[in-house]
Amino acid sequence: MKTIGLAVSAAALMLSTAVDAHTLRIECKKTTGANVICRGVFSDGELARRLPIIIIDDEERVLSSGMTDVKGEYTFSAPGPEYNVVIEGDRAHVAGMSSLDIW
């Protein structure tokens, strides 16, 4: 009985690790003036290459859109003081960041 409990615990631990293997994250920073660079990366270190990225306002109107490059990066000019950056990955992975969190 102990062996079964140990096997179930090990399987649950491996499954929880596998589920978290591809959490999409976004990192953004201001470069010069109004220019911003964002980088999409998965929690396992894989770059978020060629994924759609949109810049939206607080009312979810699209201000601009594009795709990340082979480095998982997208550079744009900030459309104003307040906006949100959203990157959409495969299998319903989505990550976002408010301009208030971009330094």
Protein backbone atom coordinates (compact mmCIF):
# COMPACT_ATOMS: atom_id res chain seq x y z
CA MET A 1 0.00 0.00 0.00
CA LYS A 2 2.91 2.35 0.78
CA THR A 3 4.36 1.71 -2.67
CA ILE A 4 1.10 2.70 -4.37
CA GLY A 5 0.89 5.91 -2.33
CA LEU A 6 4.49 6.75 -3.19
CA ALA A 7 3.89 6.05 -6.89
CA VAL A 8 0.76 8.24 -6.90
CA SER A 9 2.64 11.06 -5.15
CA ALA A 10 5.51 10.84 -7.64
CA ALA A 11 3.10 10.85 -10.59
CA ALA A 12 1.25 13.87 -9.19
CA LEU A 13 4.54 15.73 -8.72
CA MET A 14 5.64 14.96 -12.29
CA LEU A 15 2.24 15.98 -13.66
CA SER A 16 2.25 19.29 -11.79
CA THR A 17 5.72 20.02 -13.15
CA ALA A 18 4.62 19.18 -16.69
CA VAL A 19 1.57 21.43 -16.44
CA ASP A 20 3.73 24.38 -15.38
CA ALA A 21 6.38 23.64 -18.02
CA HIS A 22 5.06 26.24 -20.44
CA THR A 23 3.73 29.22 -18.51
CA LEU A 24 4.02 32.25 -20.78
CA ARG A 25 5.61 35.36 -19.30
CA ILE A 26 6.30 38.83 -20.63
CA GLU A 27 9.08 41.20 -19.63
CA CYS A 28 9.09 44.81 -20.84
CA LYS A 29 11.43 47.75 -20.31
CA LYS A 30 11.84 51.26 -21.63
CA THR A 31 14.91 51.69 -23.79
CA THR A 32 15.21 55.29 -24.98
CA GLY A 33 12.57 58.01 -24.89
CA ALA A 34 9.20 56.47 -25.67
CA ASN A 35 10.64 53.20 -27.05
CA VAL A 36 9.76 49.98 -25.26
CA ILE A 37 11.05 46.46 -25.81
CA CYS A 38 9.12 43.42 -24.63
CA ARG A 39 10.30 39.85 -24.54
CA GLY A 40 8.11 36.79 -24.32
CA VAL A 41 9.54 33.75 -22.60
CA PHE A 42 8.10 30.50 -21.31
CA SER A 43 8.80 29.38 -17.75
CA ASP A 44 11.13 26.64 -19.00
CA GLY A 45 13.33 29.26 -20.72
CA GLU A 46 12.04 28.74 -24.25
CA LEU A 47 11.68 32.02 -26.15
CA ALA A 48 8.20 33.02 -27.31
CA ARG A 49 9.14 33.27 -30.99
CA ARG A 50 6.77 34.60 -33.67
CA LEU A 51 3.78 35.05 -31.40
CA PRO A 52 1.13 37.76 -31.79
CA ILE A 53 1.45 40.74 -29.50
CA ILE A 54 -1.02 43.60 -29.12
CA ILE A 55 -1.00 46.98 -27.42
CA ILE A 56 -4.41 47.86 -25.99
CA ASP A 57 -5.89 50.72 -23.98
CA ASP A 58 -7.96 50.41 -20.80
CA GLU A 59 -11.12 49.87 -22.87
CA GLU A 60 -9.42 46.98 -24.73
CA ARG A 61 -9.19 48.88 -28.03
CA VAL A 62 -6.22 47.70 -30.09
CA LEU A 63 -3.70 50.54 -30.46
CA SER A 64 -1.14 48.50 -32.39
CA SER A 65 -0.18 44.90 -33.03
CA GLY A 66 2.67 42.80 -34.35
CA MET A 67 4.64 39.60 -33.85
CA THR A 68 7.60 38.75 -31.67
CA ASP A 69 10.80 38.07 -33.59
CA VAL A 70 13.10 35.03 -33.44
CA LYS A 71 14.45 36.30 -30.10
CA GLY A 72 10.91 36.53 -28.70
CA GLU A 73 11.15 40.34 -28.72
CA TYR A 74 8.88 43.13 -29.92
CA THR A 75 9.88 46.80 -29.95
CA PHE A 76 7.40 49.65 -30.20
CA SER A 77 6.89 53.31 -29.40
CA ALA A 78 4.69 53.82 -26.33
CA PRO A 79 1.28 55.11 -27.48
CA GLY A 80 0.81 57.17 -24.32
CA PRO A 81 1.25 57.00 -20.57
CA GLU A 82 -1.23 54.15 -19.97
CA TYR A 83 -1.60 51.00 -22.08
CA ASN A 84 -1.32 47.23 -21.78
CA VAL A 85 0.89 44.80 -23.68
CA VAL A 86 -0.58 41.34 -24.34
CA ILE A 87 1.18 38.36 -25.90
CA GLU A 88 -0.82 35.35 -27.04
CA GLY A 89 0.84 31.95 -27.16
CA ASP A 90 -0.27 28.56 -28.34
CA ARG A 91 -2.71 26.43 -26.39
CA ALA A 92 -4.41 29.48 -24.84
CA HIS A 93 -1.31 30.86 -23.10
CA VAL A 94 -1.67 34.61 -22.60
CA ALA A 95 0.51 37.05 -20.68
CA GLY A 96 0.12 40.76 -20.20
CA MET A 97 1.76 43.76 -18.60
CA SER A 98 0.51 47.24 -17.75
CA SER A 99 2.55 50.26 -18.81
CA LEU A 100 2.54 51.25 -15.13
CA ASP A 101 4.82 48.25 -14.48
CA ILE A 102 7.29 49.09 -17.26
CA TRP A 103 10.42 50.93 -16.13
